[in-house]
Amino acid sequence: MPLYEHVFIARQDLAQAQVDALAEAATNIIQDNGGKVVKTETWGLRSLAYRIAKNRKGHYVMLDFEAPTPVVAELERQTQINEDVIRYMTIRLDSHEEGPSAMMRRNERSERGDRGDRGDRGGRDRGDRGDRGDRGDRGDRGERAPRPEFEA
């Protein structure tokens, strides 16, 4: 069966329990039509890049599943009908991502607060560029020529 990833954004004024109910409803649609949900992730309440239907934030949910093609059409039809979902996208995948998605790894990194694999930046001021030996001291340039005066 083909593999899919379905991400939807629910309205910001919903409680987490209601968002979980939306995810459960999507899971039921997939399973009732002969599909199998591999992974469900709730990314939480996040800011949107721009306002959508007067919402500045939204609850993001991702479902990884495998199902026949007609299941995707039914899932998208049901998602369109639901007024609590403000955006959705379903894409076909070659393979499901193992472990947590990039969004979940990003959340873990921000909770840790460390710099990850970027390491220490040396503690010096970013404006300090050190010795610029390849440019010379530029002492041979002399004085700048005076600006010409223009009359208006």
Protein backbone atom coordinates (compact mmCIF):
# COMPACT_ATOMS: atom_id res chain seq x y z
CA MET A 1 0.00 0.00 0.00
CA PRO A 2 1.16 3.57 -0.62
CA LEU A 3 2.59 5.56 2.29
CA TYR A 4 1.25 9.02 3.17
CA GLU A 5 1.82 11.89 5.57
CA HIS A 6 -1.19 14.02 6.51
CA VAL A 7 -0.66 17.28 8.44
CA PHE A 8 -3.52 19.48 9.53
CA ILE A 9 -3.80 22.73 11.47
CA ALA A 10 -6.71 23.12 13.87
CA ARG A 11 -8.08 26.43 15.16
CA GLN A 12 -6.24 28.08 18.03
CA ASP A 13 -9.26 28.30 20.33
CA LEU A 14 -9.67 24.51 20.58
CA ALA A 15 -8.66 22.67 23.73
CA GLN A 16 -6.01 19.97 23.46
CA ALA A 17 -8.67 17.31 24.08
CA GLN A 18 -10.60 18.55 21.04
CA VAL A 19 -7.45 18.45 18.90
CA ASP A 20 -6.81 14.89 20.06
CA ALA A 21 -10.41 14.05 19.11
CA LEU A 22 -9.78 15.42 15.59
CA ALA A 23 -6.67 13.24 15.29
CA GLU A 24 -8.66 10.25 16.53
CA ALA A 25 -11.41 10.94 13.98
CA ALA A 26 -8.82 11.04 11.18
CA THR A 27 -7.30 7.80 12.48
CA ASN A 28 -10.76 6.16 12.49
CA ILE A 29 -11.41 7.25 8.89
CA ILE A 30 -8.14 5.67 7.80
CA GLN A 31 -8.67 2.43 9.73
CA ASP A 32 -12.33 2.04 8.77
CA ASN A 33 -11.38 2.18 5.09
CA GLY A 34 -8.61 -0.41 5.26
CA GLY A 35 -5.58 1.71 6.11
CA LYS A 36 -3.12 1.60 8.98
CA VAL A 37 -1.83 4.58 10.98
CA VAL A 38 1.88 4.18 11.64
CA LYS A 39 2.54 7.29 13.73
CA THR A 40 0.62 10.24 15.16
CA GLU A 41 2.40 13.37 16.39
CA THR A 42 0.91 16.45 17.99
CA TRP A 43 3.24 19.40 17.48
CA GLY A 44 1.24 21.71 19.72
CA LEU A 45 0.09 25.29 19.39
CA ARG A 46 2.40 27.15 17.01
CA SER A 47 2.38 30.58 15.38
CA LEU A 48 1.33 30.76 11.75
CA ALA A 49 3.42 32.62 9.16
CA TYR A 50 0.33 34.65 8.23
CA ARG A 51 -3.28 34.92 9.41
CA ILE A 52 -5.61 32.21 8.18
CA ALA A 53 -9.34 32.75 8.77
CA LYS A 54 -8.58 35.26 11.55
CA ASN A 55 -6.25 32.81 13.33
CA ARG A 56 -2.67 33.73 14.20
CA LYS A 57 -1.88 30.36 15.78
CA GLY A 58 -2.91 26.78 15.23
CA HIS A 59 -2.63 23.29 16.68
CA TYR A 60 -0.48 21.16 14.35
CA VAL A 61 -1.03 17.40 14.05
CA MET A 62 0.76 14.93 11.76
CA LEU A 63 -0.35 11.40 10.82
CA ASP A 64 1.87 8.89 9.02
CA PHE A 65 -0.20 6.13 7.48
CA GLU A 66 -0.39 3.54 4.76
CA ALA A 67 -3.66 3.13 2.90
CA PRO A 68 -5.21 2.66 -0.53
CA THR A 69 -5.69 5.82 -2.60
CA PRO A 70 -9.49 6.16 -2.05
CA VAL A 71 -8.84 6.49 1.69
CA VAL A 72 -6.88 9.71 1.09
CA ALA A 73 -9.80 11.17 -0.89
CA GLU A 74 -12.21 10.32 1.95
CA LEU A 75 -9.85 11.68 4.61
CA GLU A 76 -9.43 14.96 2.74
CA ARG A 77 -13.18 15.21 2.13
CA GLN A 78 -13.92 14.79 5.84
CA THR A 79 -11.15 17.23 6.74
CA GLN A 80 -12.58 19.88 4.40
CA ILE A 81 -16.02 19.54 5.98
CA ASN A 82 -14.70 20.05 9.51
CA GLU A 83 -14.78 23.74 10.48
CA ASP A 84 -12.16 23.25 13.19
CA VAL A 85 -9.45 22.45 10.61
CA ILE A 86 -8.11 25.58 8.92
CA ARG A 87 -5.47 23.95 6.67
CA TYR A 88 -4.35 20.45 5.73
CA MET A 89 -1.93 18.76 3.38
CA THR A 90 -1.46 15.12 2.43
CA ILE A 91 1.64 13.95 0.60
CA ARG A 92 2.73 10.57 -0.68
CA LEU A 93 6.05 9.26 0.65
CA ASP A 94 8.58 6.71 -0.51
CA SER A 95 9.20 5.69 3.11
CA HIS A 96 8.16 6.88 6.55
CA GLU A 97 10.69 8.75 8.64
CA GLU A 98 12.07 6.65 11.48
CA GLY A 99 11.87 8.12 14.98
CA PRO A 100 10.49 11.57 15.75
CA SER A 101 9.87 14.02 12.92
CA ALA A 102 12.01 17.11 12.37
CA MET A 103 9.45 19.25 14.21
CA MET A 104 9.60 17.04 17.30
CA ARG A 105 13.42 17.01 17.26
CA ARG A 106 13.33 20.79 16.98
CA ASN A 107 11.09 21.02 20.07
CA GLU A 108 13.47 18.77 22.02
CA ARG A 109 16.45 20.93 21.05
CA SER A 110 14.72 24.15 22.16
CA GLU A 111 13.77 22.56 25.50
CA ARG A 112 17.37 21.48 26.12
CA GLY A 113 18.67 24.98 25.55
CA ASP A 114 22.17 23.87 24.55
CA ARG A 115 23.88 24.67 21.29
CA GLY A 116 23.73 21.13 19.91
CA ASP A 117 26.53 20.27 17.51
CA ARG A 118 27.38 23.93 16.76
CA GLY A 119 29.84 24.02 19.62
CA ASP A 120 31.29 27.00 21.39
CA ARG A 121 31.85 30.08 19.26
CA GLY A 122 34.95 31.11 21.14
CA GLY A 123 33.32 33.74 23.33
CA ARG A 124 34.65 36.62 21.28
CA ASP A 125 32.66 39.47 19.87
CA ARG A 126 31.21 38.59 16.46
CA GLY A 127 32.52 41.90 15.08
CA ASP A 128 36.12 40.91 15.84
CA ARG A 129 37.50 39.47 12.64
CA GLY A 130 41.05 39.14 13.83
CA ASP A 131 44.10 39.73 11.62
CA ARG A 132 43.22 40.56 8.02
CA GLY A 133 46.78 40.04 6.81
CA ASP A 134 45.80 39.36 3.22
CA ARG A 135 44.58 42.97 2.83
CA GLY A 136 47.61 44.80 4.11
CA ASP A 137 47.40 47.89 6.27
CA ARG A 138 46.11 50.08 3.40
CA GLY A 139 48.48 52.83 4.42
CA ASP A 140 49.46 53.50 0.82
CA ARG A 141 46.05 54.85 -0.20
CA GLY A 142 46.60 58.45 0.80
CA GLU A 143 43.92 61.03 1.50
CA ARG A 144 40.49 60.83 -0.05
CA ALA A 145 39.81 63.37 -2.81
CA PRO A 146 37.42 66.18 -1.83
CA ARG A 147 33.80 65.86 -2.94
CA PRO A 148 32.74 68.09 -5.81
CA GLU A 149 30.17 70.72 -4.88
CA PHE A 150 26.95 70.73 -6.87
CA GLU A 151 24.61 73.65 -7.26
CA ALA A 152 20.89 72.96 -7.33
